[in-house]
Amino acid sequence: MEPQNLCCITIFTVLVLLVDSTQPPFSCDSSNPSTKTFPFCKTTLPISQRANDVVSRLTLDEKISQLVNSARPIPRLGIPGYQWWSEALHGVAYAGPGIRFNGSIERATSFPQVILSAASFDANQWYRIRTQGGGEGKKAPGEDPLLTGKYAVSYVRGLQGDSFEGGEIHGQLQASASCKHFTAYDLENWEGTSRYDFDARVTTQDLADTYQPPFKSCVEEGRASGIMCAYNRVNGVPNCADFNFLSQTARGQWGFDFDGYAFLHFIDSQCPLNYF
């Protein structure tokens, strides 16, 4: 298989969506008197306290229902249903089930091809970039493992608020960067084969020489706070359930769970996906 989508970096930002007019646009609707008694609805309380409160009130089934992009409503807590598939990854684009346009506005922003930025061979420029690429092919800066790795390091440091040389973050991140899709992910939908059931057959040497180096740089040098595992399988094992990739390699060899950030390191799948 040819190396295509080696590594990419993204930031997760939730956008406000249009919802059914019969539902409140957010939880804690002021017209619902029952929500006034919930601590998670009190804006004067710390965010951590409000989050702990709402989670403590959820049943196991309700918690599970919130782990997908089409989160179900929880009427007893005044929480409406929500479609999370509209983060800023692709710009405010007509892509996915979350954003819909009508009237005079039919389309919106879609960020440009990242590969053009990589073609500048300018690490300082990559560091200064503050926008994120959209679309699976558009998120890959190229097919060269060395170039892609250097791009990842510069981009992650700039996005998370580190210095160009790195090592200056001690606590709060400016934003959380995630390296994706880990790993050997380069097929979405081709001649009846989709990314959900594709099994990439990759040799140990090809993994070491081609696919893993950009992610290694992204974690070890860029110190990205997140990793997104790929949809597909590699040599028969689903990426998001591969103990070798996620635990032994990313966490064990690359030291993904490093100290120094006031932020939880996370490894997640994409769809369904929770956006942080």
C-alpha atoms as a PDB file:
ATOM      1  CA  MET A   1       0.000   0.000   0.000  1.00  0.00           C
ATOM      2  CA  GLU A   2       1.211   3.529  -0.728  1.00  0.00           C
ATOM      3  CA  PRO A   3       1.763   5.969   2.139  1.00  0.00           C
ATOM      4  CA  GLN A   4      -0.742   8.758   1.875  1.00  0.00           C
ATOM      5  CA  ASN A   5      -2.433   9.985   5.028  1.00  0.00           C
ATOM      6  CA  LEU A   6       0.547   9.763   7.383  1.00  0.00           C
ATOM      7  CA  CYS A   7      -0.176  12.174  10.163  1.00  0.00           C
ATOM      8  CA  CYS A   8      -2.273  15.179  10.764  1.00  0.00           C
ATOM      9  CA  ILE A   9      -3.070  17.544  13.559  1.00  0.00           C
ATOM     10  CA  THR A  10      -6.387  18.975  14.575  1.00  0.00           C
ATOM     11  CA  ILE A  11      -8.071  21.011  17.255  1.00  0.00           C
ATOM     12  CA  PHE A  12     -11.535  20.295  18.539  1.00  0.00           C
ATOM     13  CA  THR A  13     -13.932  23.221  18.909  1.00  0.00           C
ATOM     14  CA  VAL A  14     -17.652  22.866  19.421  1.00  0.00           C
ATOM     15  CA  LEU A  15     -19.921  25.068  17.316  1.00  0.00           C
ATOM     16  CA  VAL A  16     -23.398  26.211  18.220  1.00  0.00           C
ATOM     17  CA  LEU A  17     -25.902  24.328  16.061  1.00  0.00           C
ATOM     18  CA  LEU A  18     -29.441  24.946  14.951  1.00  0.00           C
ATOM     19  CA  VAL A  19     -31.866  22.704  16.819  1.00  0.00           C
ATOM     20  CA  ASP A  20     -35.551  22.011  16.647  1.00  0.00           C
ATOM     21  CA  SER A  21     -37.506  25.108  17.667  1.00  0.00           C
ATOM     22  CA  THR A  22     -39.496  23.027  20.165  1.00  0.00           C
ATOM     23  CA  GLN A  23     -36.335  22.357  22.184  1.00  0.00           C
ATOM     24  CA  PRO A  24     -34.158  24.784  24.146  1.00  0.00           C
ATOM     25  CA  PRO A  25     -30.830  25.488  22.395  1.00  0.00           C
ATOM     26  CA  PHE A  26     -28.945  24.424  25.516  1.00  0.00           C
ATOM     27  CA  SER A  27     -29.383  22.758  28.899  1.00  0.00           C
ATOM     28  CA  CYS A  28     -30.706  24.672  31.923  1.00  0.00           C
ATOM     29  CA  ASP A  29     -33.470  26.445  30.011  1.00  0.00           C
ATOM     30  CA  SER A  30     -34.670  29.326  32.180  1.00  0.00           C
ATOM     31  CA  SER A  31     -38.303  28.571  31.285  1.00  0.00           C
ATOM     32  CA  ASN A  32     -37.981  25.170  32.976  1.00  0.00           C
ATOM     33  CA  PRO A  33     -38.213  25.785  36.746  1.00  0.00           C
ATOM     34  CA  SER A  34     -36.927  22.322  37.633  1.00  0.00           C
ATOM     35  CA  THR A  35     -33.459  23.069  36.254  1.00  0.00           C
ATOM     36  CA  LYS A  36     -32.920  25.920  38.738  1.00  0.00           C
ATOM     37  CA  THR A  37     -32.260  23.405  41.502  1.00  0.00           C
ATOM     38  CA  PHE A  38     -29.411  21.669  39.686  1.00  0.00           C
ATOM     39  CA  PRO A  39     -25.894  22.800  40.675  1.00  0.00           C
ATOM     40  CA  PHE A  40     -24.671  22.179  37.099  1.00  0.00           C
ATOM     41  CA  CYS A  41     -27.014  24.968  35.961  1.00  0.00           C
ATOM     42  CA  LYS A  42     -25.497  27.539  38.314  1.00  0.00           C
ATOM     43  CA  THR A  43     -23.073  29.612  36.250  1.00  0.00           C
ATOM     44  CA  THR A  44     -21.438  31.020  39.394  1.00  0.00           C
ATOM     45  CA  LEU A  45     -19.972  27.615  40.288  1.00  0.00           C
ATOM     46  CA  PRO A  46     -16.606  26.368  38.934  1.00  0.00           C
ATOM     47  CA  ILE A  47     -16.775  24.406  35.669  1.00  0.00           C
ATOM     48  CA  SER A  48     -15.266  21.309  37.307  1.00  0.00           C
ATOM     49  CA  GLN A  49     -17.949  21.298  40.014  1.00  0.00           C
ATOM     50  CA  ARG A  50     -20.746  21.707  37.472  1.00  0.00           C
ATOM     51  CA  ALA A  51     -19.323  18.922  35.294  1.00  0.00           C
ATOM     52  CA  ASN A  52     -18.999  16.556  38.244  1.00  0.00           C
ATOM     53  CA  ASP A  53     -22.558  17.328  39.279  1.00  0.00           C
ATOM     54  CA  VAL A  54     -24.160  16.591  35.914  1.00  0.00           C
ATOM     55  CA  VAL A  55     -22.158  13.383  35.438  1.00  0.00           C
ATOM     56  CA  SER A  56     -23.124  12.189  38.924  1.00  0.00           C
ATOM     57  CA  ARG A  57     -26.809  12.494  37.992  1.00  0.00           C
ATOM     58  CA  LEU A  58     -26.557  10.368  34.841  1.00  0.00           C
ATOM     59  CA  THR A  59     -27.463   6.699  34.824  1.00  0.00           C
ATOM     60  CA  LEU A  60     -25.111   4.266  33.120  1.00  0.00           C
ATOM     61  CA  ASP A  61     -27.389   4.085  30.070  1.00  0.00           C
ATOM     62  CA  GLU A  62     -27.534   7.886  29.883  1.00  0.00           C
ATOM     63  CA  LYS A  63     -23.758   8.149  30.068  1.00  0.00           C
ATOM     64  CA  ILE A  64     -23.411   5.658  27.236  1.00  0.00           C
ATOM     65  CA  SER A  65     -25.958   7.602  25.152  1.00  0.00           C
ATOM     66  CA  GLN A  66     -23.717  10.687  25.333  1.00  0.00           C
ATOM     67  CA  LEU A  67     -20.647   8.932  23.927  1.00  0.00           C
ATOM     68  CA  VAL A  68     -21.789   9.198  20.311  1.00  0.00           C
ATOM     69  CA  ASN A  69     -22.054  12.205  18.018  1.00  0.00           C
ATOM     70  CA  SER A  70     -25.889  12.004  18.041  1.00  0.00           C
ATOM     71  CA  ALA A  71     -26.306  12.474  21.794  1.00  0.00           C
ATOM     72  CA  ARG A  72     -29.828  11.629  22.992  1.00  0.00           C
ATOM     73  CA  PRO A  73     -31.873  14.071  25.118  1.00  0.00           C
ATOM     74  CA  ILE A  74     -32.206  13.554  28.860  1.00  0.00           C
ATOM     75  CA  PRO A  75     -35.568  15.202  29.594  1.00  0.00           C
ATOM     76  CA  ARG A  76     -35.532  14.611  33.362  1.00  0.00           C
ATOM     77  CA  LEU A  77     -32.442  16.856  33.609  1.00  0.00           C
ATOM     78  CA  GLY A  78     -33.556  19.347  30.989  1.00  0.00           C
ATOM     79  CA  ILE A  79     -30.777  18.291  28.624  1.00  0.00           C
ATOM     80  CA  PRO A  80     -31.805  18.385  24.928  1.00  0.00           C
ATOM     81  CA  GLY A  81     -30.426  16.112  22.249  1.00  0.00           C
ATOM     82  CA  TYR A  82     -27.332  17.399  20.464  1.00  0.00           C
ATOM     83  CA  GLN A  83     -25.492  16.685  17.243  1.00  0.00           C
ATOM     84  CA  TRP A  84     -21.751  17.054  17.866  1.00  0.00           C
ATOM     85  CA  TRP A  85     -20.667  16.371  14.277  1.00  0.00           C
ATOM     86  CA  SER A  86     -19.928  20.007  13.498  1.00  0.00           C
ATOM     87  CA  GLU A  87     -16.602  20.910  15.063  1.00  0.00           C
ATOM     88  CA  ALA A  88     -14.390  23.555  13.470  1.00  0.00           C
ATOM     89  CA  LEU A  89     -12.130  20.956  11.876  1.00  0.00           C
ATOM     90  CA  HIS A  90     -13.612  21.534   8.436  1.00  0.00           C
ATOM     91  CA  GLY A  91     -14.592  25.137   8.983  1.00  0.00           C
ATOM     92  CA  VAL A  92     -18.304  25.818   9.260  1.00  0.00           C
ATOM     93  CA  ALA A  93     -18.870  23.552   6.269  1.00  0.00           C
ATOM     94  CA  TYR A  94     -21.888  21.772   4.865  1.00  0.00           C
ATOM     95  CA  ALA A  95     -20.366  18.432   5.826  1.00  0.00           C
ATOM     96  CA  GLY A  96     -21.838  15.935   8.259  1.00  0.00           C
ATOM     97  CA  PRO A  97     -25.245  15.940   9.963  1.00  0.00           C
ATOM     98  CA  GLY A  98     -24.710  18.873  12.321  1.00  0.00           C
ATOM     99  CA  ILE A  99     -24.694  21.996  10.134  1.00  0.00           C
ATOM    100  CA  ARG A 100     -27.463  22.919   7.704  1.00  0.00           C
ATOM    101  CA  PHE A 101     -27.900  26.116   5.714  1.00  0.00           C
ATOM    102  CA  ASN A 102     -30.937  27.620   4.052  1.00  0.00           C
ATOM    103  CA  GLY A 103     -32.070  30.857   2.458  1.00  0.00           C
ATOM    104  CA  SER A 104     -29.401  33.098   1.000  1.00  0.00           C
ATOM    105  CA  ILE A 105     -26.508  31.240   2.719  1.00  0.00           C
ATOM    106  CA  GLU A 106     -25.889  27.900   1.040  1.00  0.00           C
ATOM    107  CA  ARG A 107     -22.235  27.177   1.804  1.00  0.00           C
ATOM    108  CA  ALA A 108     -19.557  28.248   4.248  1.00  0.00           C
ATOM    109  CA  THR A 109     -15.871  28.017   5.102  1.00  0.00           C
ATOM    110  CA  SER A 110     -13.678  25.039   4.241  1.00  0.00           C
ATOM    111  CA  PHE A 111      -9.993  25.415   5.089  1.00  0.00           C
ATOM    112  CA  PRO A 112      -7.355  25.117   2.337  1.00  0.00           C
ATOM    113  CA  GLN A 113      -5.051  22.229   1.528  1.00  0.00           C
ATOM    114  CA  VAL A 114      -2.363  21.723   4.177  1.00  0.00           C
ATOM    115  CA  ILE A 115      -0.014  20.128   1.634  1.00  0.00           C
ATOM    116  CA  LEU A 116       0.553  23.579   0.104  1.00  0.00           C
ATOM    117  CA  SER A 117       1.804  24.856   3.457  1.00  0.00           C
ATOM    118  CA  ALA A 118       4.131  21.878   3.790  1.00  0.00           C
ATOM    119  CA  ALA A 119       5.533  22.590   0.325  1.00  0.00           C
ATOM    120  CA  SER A 120       7.072  25.792   1.686  1.00  0.00           C
ATOM    121  CA  PHE A 121       9.554  23.705   3.734  1.00  0.00           C
ATOM    122  CA  ASP A 122       9.338  26.512   6.302  1.00  0.00           C
ATOM    123  CA  ALA A 123       9.119  25.236   9.896  1.00  0.00           C
ATOM    124  CA  ASN A 124       8.680  28.778  11.248  1.00  0.00           C
ATOM    125  CA  GLN A 125       5.657  29.262   9.021  1.00  0.00           C
ATOM    126  CA  TRP A 126       4.136  26.002  10.223  1.00  0.00           C
ATOM    127  CA  TYR A 127       4.665  27.148  13.790  1.00  0.00           C
ATOM    128  CA  ARG A 128       2.829  30.433  13.117  1.00  0.00           C
ATOM    129  CA  ILE A 129      -0.204  28.735  11.539  1.00  0.00           C
ATOM    130  CA  ARG A 130      -3.257  28.861  13.841  1.00  0.00           C
ATOM    131  CA  THR A 131      -5.869  27.225  11.685  1.00  0.00           C
ATOM    132  CA  GLN A 132      -6.683  23.561  11.189  1.00  0.00           C
ATOM    133  CA  GLY A 133      -6.971  21.596   7.971  1.00  0.00           C
ATOM    134  CA  GLY A 134     -10.192  19.903   6.961  1.00  0.00           C
ATOM    135  CA  GLY A 135     -10.980  16.717   5.056  1.00  0.00           C
ATOM    136  CA  GLU A 136      -9.054  13.489   5.359  1.00  0.00           C
ATOM    137  CA  GLY A 137      -6.703  14.118   2.440  1.00  0.00           C
ATOM    138  CA  LYS A 138      -6.466  17.808   3.259  1.00  0.00           C
ATOM    139  CA  LYS A 139      -5.120  17.118   6.736  1.00  0.00           C
ATOM    140  CA  ALA A 140      -1.989  15.348   5.475  1.00  0.00           C
ATOM    141  CA  PRO A 141       1.002  17.643   4.856  1.00  0.00           C
ATOM    142  CA  GLY A 142       2.641  15.137   2.522  1.00  0.00           C
ATOM    143  CA  GLU A 143       3.988  11.626   2.000  1.00  0.00           C
ATOM    144  CA  ASP A 144       7.529  12.175   3.224  1.00  0.00           C
ATOM    145  CA  PRO A 145       7.881  10.872   6.815  1.00  0.00           C
ATOM    146  CA  LEU A 146      10.663  13.303   7.740  1.00  0.00           C
ATOM    147  CA  LEU A 147       8.896  16.380   6.361  1.00  0.00           C
ATOM    148  CA  THR A 148       5.582  15.340   7.894  1.00  0.00           C
ATOM    149  CA  GLY A 149       7.225  14.769  11.271  1.00  0.00           C
ATOM    150  CA  LYS A 150       8.853  18.219  11.269  1.00  0.00           C
ATOM    151  CA  TYR A 151       5.552  19.784  10.227  1.00  0.00           C
ATOM    152  CA  ALA A 152       3.777  18.018  13.105  1.00  0.00           C
ATOM    153  CA  VAL A 153       6.294  19.216  15.681  1.00  0.00           C
ATOM    154  CA  SER A 154       6.142  22.872  14.605  1.00  0.00           C
ATOM    155  CA  TYR A 155       2.383  22.915  14.194  1.00  0.00           C
ATOM    156  CA  VAL A 156       1.670  21.272  17.550  1.00  0.00           C
ATOM    157  CA  ARG A 157       4.027  23.574  19.428  1.00  0.00           C
ATOM    158  CA  GLY A 158       2.412  26.639  17.875  1.00  0.00           C
ATOM    159  CA  LEU A 159      -1.141  25.425  18.389  1.00  0.00           C
ATOM    160  CA  GLN A 160      -0.666  24.406  22.014  1.00  0.00           C
ATOM    161  CA  GLY A 161       1.120  27.644  22.909  1.00  0.00           C
ATOM    162  CA  ASP A 162       4.660  26.319  23.258  1.00  0.00           C
ATOM    163  CA  SER A 163       7.766  28.142  22.030  1.00  0.00           C
ATOM    164  CA  PHE A 164       9.217  27.331  18.614  1.00  0.00           C
ATOM    165  CA  GLU A 165      12.029  25.386  20.297  1.00  0.00           C
ATOM    166  CA  GLY A 166       9.594  23.613  22.652  1.00  0.00           C
ATOM    167  CA  GLY A 167       9.639  22.835  26.345  1.00  0.00           C
ATOM    168  CA  GLU A 168       8.054  26.073  27.559  1.00  0.00           C
ATOM    169  CA  ILE A 169       4.588  24.806  28.532  1.00  0.00           C
ATOM    170  CA  HIS A 170       4.190  24.252  32.256  1.00  0.00           C
ATOM    171  CA  GLY A 171       0.502  23.911  32.990  1.00  0.00           C
ATOM    172  CA  GLN A 172      -2.366  25.226  30.875  1.00  0.00           C
ATOM    173  CA  LEU A 173      -2.404  24.612  27.111  1.00  0.00           C
ATOM    174  CA  GLN A 174      -3.453  27.297  24.656  1.00  0.00           C
ATOM    175  CA  ALA A 175      -5.325  24.584  22.753  1.00  0.00           C
ATOM    176  CA  SER A 176      -5.180  20.794  22.582  1.00  0.00           C
ATOM    177  CA  ALA A 177      -3.581  19.244  19.489  1.00  0.00           C
ATOM    178  CA  SER A 178      -4.272  15.650  18.430  1.00  0.00           C
ATOM    179  CA  CYS A 179      -2.176  13.576  16.013  1.00  0.00           C
ATOM    180  CA  LYS A 180      -4.282  11.540  13.606  1.00  0.00           C
ATOM    181  CA  HIS A 181      -5.096   9.015  12.169  1.00  0.00           C
ATOM    182  CA  PHE A 182      -2.867   6.612  14.046  1.00  0.00           C
ATOM    183  CA  THR A 183      -1.788   4.559  12.065  1.00  0.00           C
ATOM    184  CA  ALA A 184      -1.429   3.328   8.429  1.00  0.00           C
ATOM    185  CA  TYR A 185      -4.653   5.070   7.466  1.00  0.00           C
ATOM    186  CA  ASP A 186      -4.963   5.945   3.787  1.00  0.00           C
ATOM    187  CA  LEU A 187      -8.261   4.587   2.471  1.00  0.00           C
ATOM    188  CA  GLU A 188     -11.737   5.993   2.950  1.00  0.00           C
ATOM    189  CA  ASN A 189     -14.023   4.526   0.316  1.00  0.00           C
ATOM    190  CA  TRP A 190     -12.650   2.768  -2.746  1.00  0.00           C
ATOM    191  CA  GLU A 191     -14.353   0.185  -4.968  1.00  0.00           C
ATOM    192  CA  GLY A 192     -16.679  -1.067  -2.275  1.00  0.00           C
ATOM    193  CA  THR A 193     -14.121  -1.052   0.540  1.00  0.00           C
ATOM    194  CA  SER A 194     -14.649   1.527   3.291  1.00  0.00           C
ATOM    195  CA  ARG A 195     -12.383   2.798   6.025  1.00  0.00           C
ATOM    196  CA  TYR A 196     -14.556   1.053   8.622  1.00  0.00           C
ATOM    197  CA  ASP A 197     -13.664  -2.451   7.471  1.00  0.00           C
ATOM    198  CA  PHE A 198     -10.386  -1.935   5.600  1.00  0.00           C
ATOM    199  CA  ASP A 199      -7.488  -4.071   6.823  1.00  0.00           C
ATOM    200  CA  ALA A 200      -4.114  -2.497   5.982  1.00  0.00           C
ATOM    201  CA  ARG A 201      -1.448  -5.163   5.545  1.00  0.00           C
ATOM    202  CA  VAL A 202       1.764  -3.416   6.514  1.00  0.00           C
ATOM    203  CA  THR A 203       5.208  -4.883   7.126  1.00  0.00           C
ATOM    204  CA  THR A 204       7.143  -4.122  10.299  1.00  0.00           C
ATOM    205  CA  GLN A 205       9.749  -2.266   8.246  1.00  0.00           C
ATOM    206  CA  ASP A 206       7.133  -0.138   6.473  1.00  0.00           C
ATOM    207  CA  LEU A 207       5.587   0.791   9.802  1.00  0.00           C
ATOM    208  CA  ALA A 208       8.975   1.764  11.210  1.00  0.00           C
ATOM    209  CA  ASP A 209      10.191   3.630   8.113  1.00  0.00           C
ATOM    210  CA  THR A 210       7.009   5.216   6.773  1.00  0.00           C
ATOM    211  CA  TYR A 211       3.969   5.342   9.019  1.00  0.00           C
ATOM    212  CA  GLN A 212       5.202   5.670  12.600  1.00  0.00           C
ATOM    213  CA  PRO A 213       7.942   8.369  12.391  1.00  0.00           C
ATOM    214  CA  PRO A 214       5.554  11.358  12.003  1.00  0.00           C
ATOM    215  CA  PHE A 215       3.495  10.227  14.983  1.00  0.00           C
ATOM    216  CA  LYS A 216       6.628   9.578  17.015  1.00  0.00           C
ATOM    217  CA  SER A 217       7.815  13.137  16.354  1.00  0.00           C
ATOM    218  CA  CYS A 218       4.362  14.533  17.057  1.00  0.00           C
ATOM    219  CA  VAL A 219       4.367  12.926  20.520  1.00  0.00           C
ATOM    220  CA  GLU A 220       8.032  12.992  21.573  1.00  0.00           C
ATOM    221  CA  GLU A 221       9.069  16.401  20.229  1.00  0.00           C
ATOM    222  CA  GLY A 222       5.768  18.208  19.656  1.00  0.00           C
ATOM    223  CA  ARG A 223       4.348  16.822  22.938  1.00  0.00           C
ATOM    224  CA  ALA A 224       0.821  16.660  21.541  1.00  0.00           C
ATOM    225  CA  SER A 225      -1.800  16.181  24.217  1.00  0.00           C
ATOM    226  CA  GLY A 226      -3.949  13.865  22.102  1.00  0.00           C
ATOM    227  CA  ILE A 227      -3.815  10.974  19.647  1.00  0.00           C
ATOM    228  CA  MET A 228      -6.698   9.865  17.461  1.00  0.00           C
ATOM    229  CA  CYS A 229      -6.636   6.230  16.419  1.00  0.00           C
ATOM    230  CA  ALA A 230      -7.677   5.342  12.868  1.00  0.00           C
ATOM    231  CA  TYR A 231     -10.870   3.634  11.744  1.00  0.00           C
ATOM    232  CA  ASN A 232      -9.165   0.774   9.944  1.00  0.00           C
ATOM    233  CA  ARG A 233      -7.384  -2.366  11.069  1.00  0.00           C
ATOM    234  CA  VAL A 234      -3.668  -2.962  10.671  1.00  0.00           C
ATOM    235  CA  ASN A 235      -2.696  -6.576  10.059  1.00  0.00           C
ATOM    236  CA  GLY A 236      -6.040  -7.760  11.371  1.00  0.00           C
ATOM    237  CA  VAL A 237      -6.186  -5.678  14.565  1.00  0.00           C
ATOM    238  CA  PRO A 238      -8.441  -2.583  14.896  1.00  0.00           C
ATOM    239  CA  ASN A 239      -6.253   0.485  15.487  1.00  0.00           C
ATOM    240  CA  CYS A 240      -8.403   1.689  18.372  1.00  0.00           C
ATOM    241  CA  ALA A 241      -8.025  -1.650  20.152  1.00  0.00           C
ATOM    242  CA  ASP A 242      -4.370  -2.310  19.355  1.00  0.00           C
ATOM    243  CA  PHE A 243      -2.455  -2.734  22.615  1.00  0.00           C
ATOM    244  CA  ASN A 244       0.856  -2.636  20.784  1.00  0.00           C
ATOM    245  CA  PHE A 245       0.184   0.703  19.076  1.00  0.00           C
ATOM    246  CA  LEU A 246      -1.660   2.529  21.863  1.00  0.00           C
ATOM    247  CA  SER A 247      -0.048   1.209  25.043  1.00  0.00           C
ATOM    248  CA  GLN A 248       3.310  -0.314  24.207  1.00  0.00           C
ATOM    249  CA  THR A 249       4.321   2.116  21.461  1.00  0.00           C
ATOM    250  CA  ALA A 250       2.620   5.488  22.114  1.00  0.00           C
ATOM    251  CA  ARG A 251       2.585   5.326  25.894  1.00  0.00           C
ATOM    252  CA  GLY A 252       5.476   2.964  26.554  1.00  0.00           C
ATOM    253  CA  GLN A 253       8.130   3.815  23.954  1.00  0.00           C
ATOM    254  CA  TRP A 254       7.199   7.419  23.107  1.00  0.00           C
ATOM    255  CA  GLY A 255       6.170   8.469  26.618  1.00  0.00           C
ATOM    256  CA  PHE A 256       2.769   9.844  25.618  1.00  0.00           C
ATOM    257  CA  ASP A 257       1.618  10.179  29.251  1.00  0.00           C
ATOM    258  CA  PHE A 258       4.278  12.768  30.059  1.00  0.00           C
ATOM    259  CA  ASP A 259       3.905  15.218  32.943  1.00  0.00           C
ATOM    260  CA  GLY A 260       3.706  18.992  32.758  1.00  0.00           C
ATOM    261  CA  TYR A 261       0.250  19.760  31.318  1.00  0.00           C
ATOM    262  CA  ALA A 262      -2.804  20.797  33.303  1.00  0.00           C
ATOM    263  CA  PHE A 263      -4.759  18.645  30.865  1.00  0.00           C
ATOM    264  CA  LEU A 264      -5.698  15.000  30.534  1.00  0.00           C
ATOM    265  CA  HIS A 265      -3.820  13.173  27.771  1.00  0.00           C
ATOM    266  CA  PHE A 266      -6.322  11.328  25.633  1.00  0.00           C
ATOM    267  CA  ILE A 267      -6.469   8.714  22.913  1.00  0.00           C
ATOM    268  CA  ASP A 268      -9.810   8.606  21.135  1.00  0.00           C
ATOM    269  CA  SER A 269     -11.572   7.312  18.072  1.00  0.00           C
ATOM    270  CA  GLN A 270     -13.174   9.746  15.634  1.00  0.00           C
ATOM    271  CA  CYS A 271     -16.734   8.761  14.831  1.00  0.00           C
ATOM    272  CA  PRO A 272     -18.583   8.629  17.096  1.00  0.00           C
ATOM    273  CA  LEU A 273     -16.304  11.099  18.879  1.00  0.00           C
ATOM    274  CA  ASN A 274     -16.485  13.439  21.822  1.00  0.00           C
ATOM    275  CA  TYR A 275     -14.970  16.838  21.105  1.00  0.00           C
ATOM    276  CA  PHE A 276     -12.960  18.492  23.853  1.00  0.00           C
END
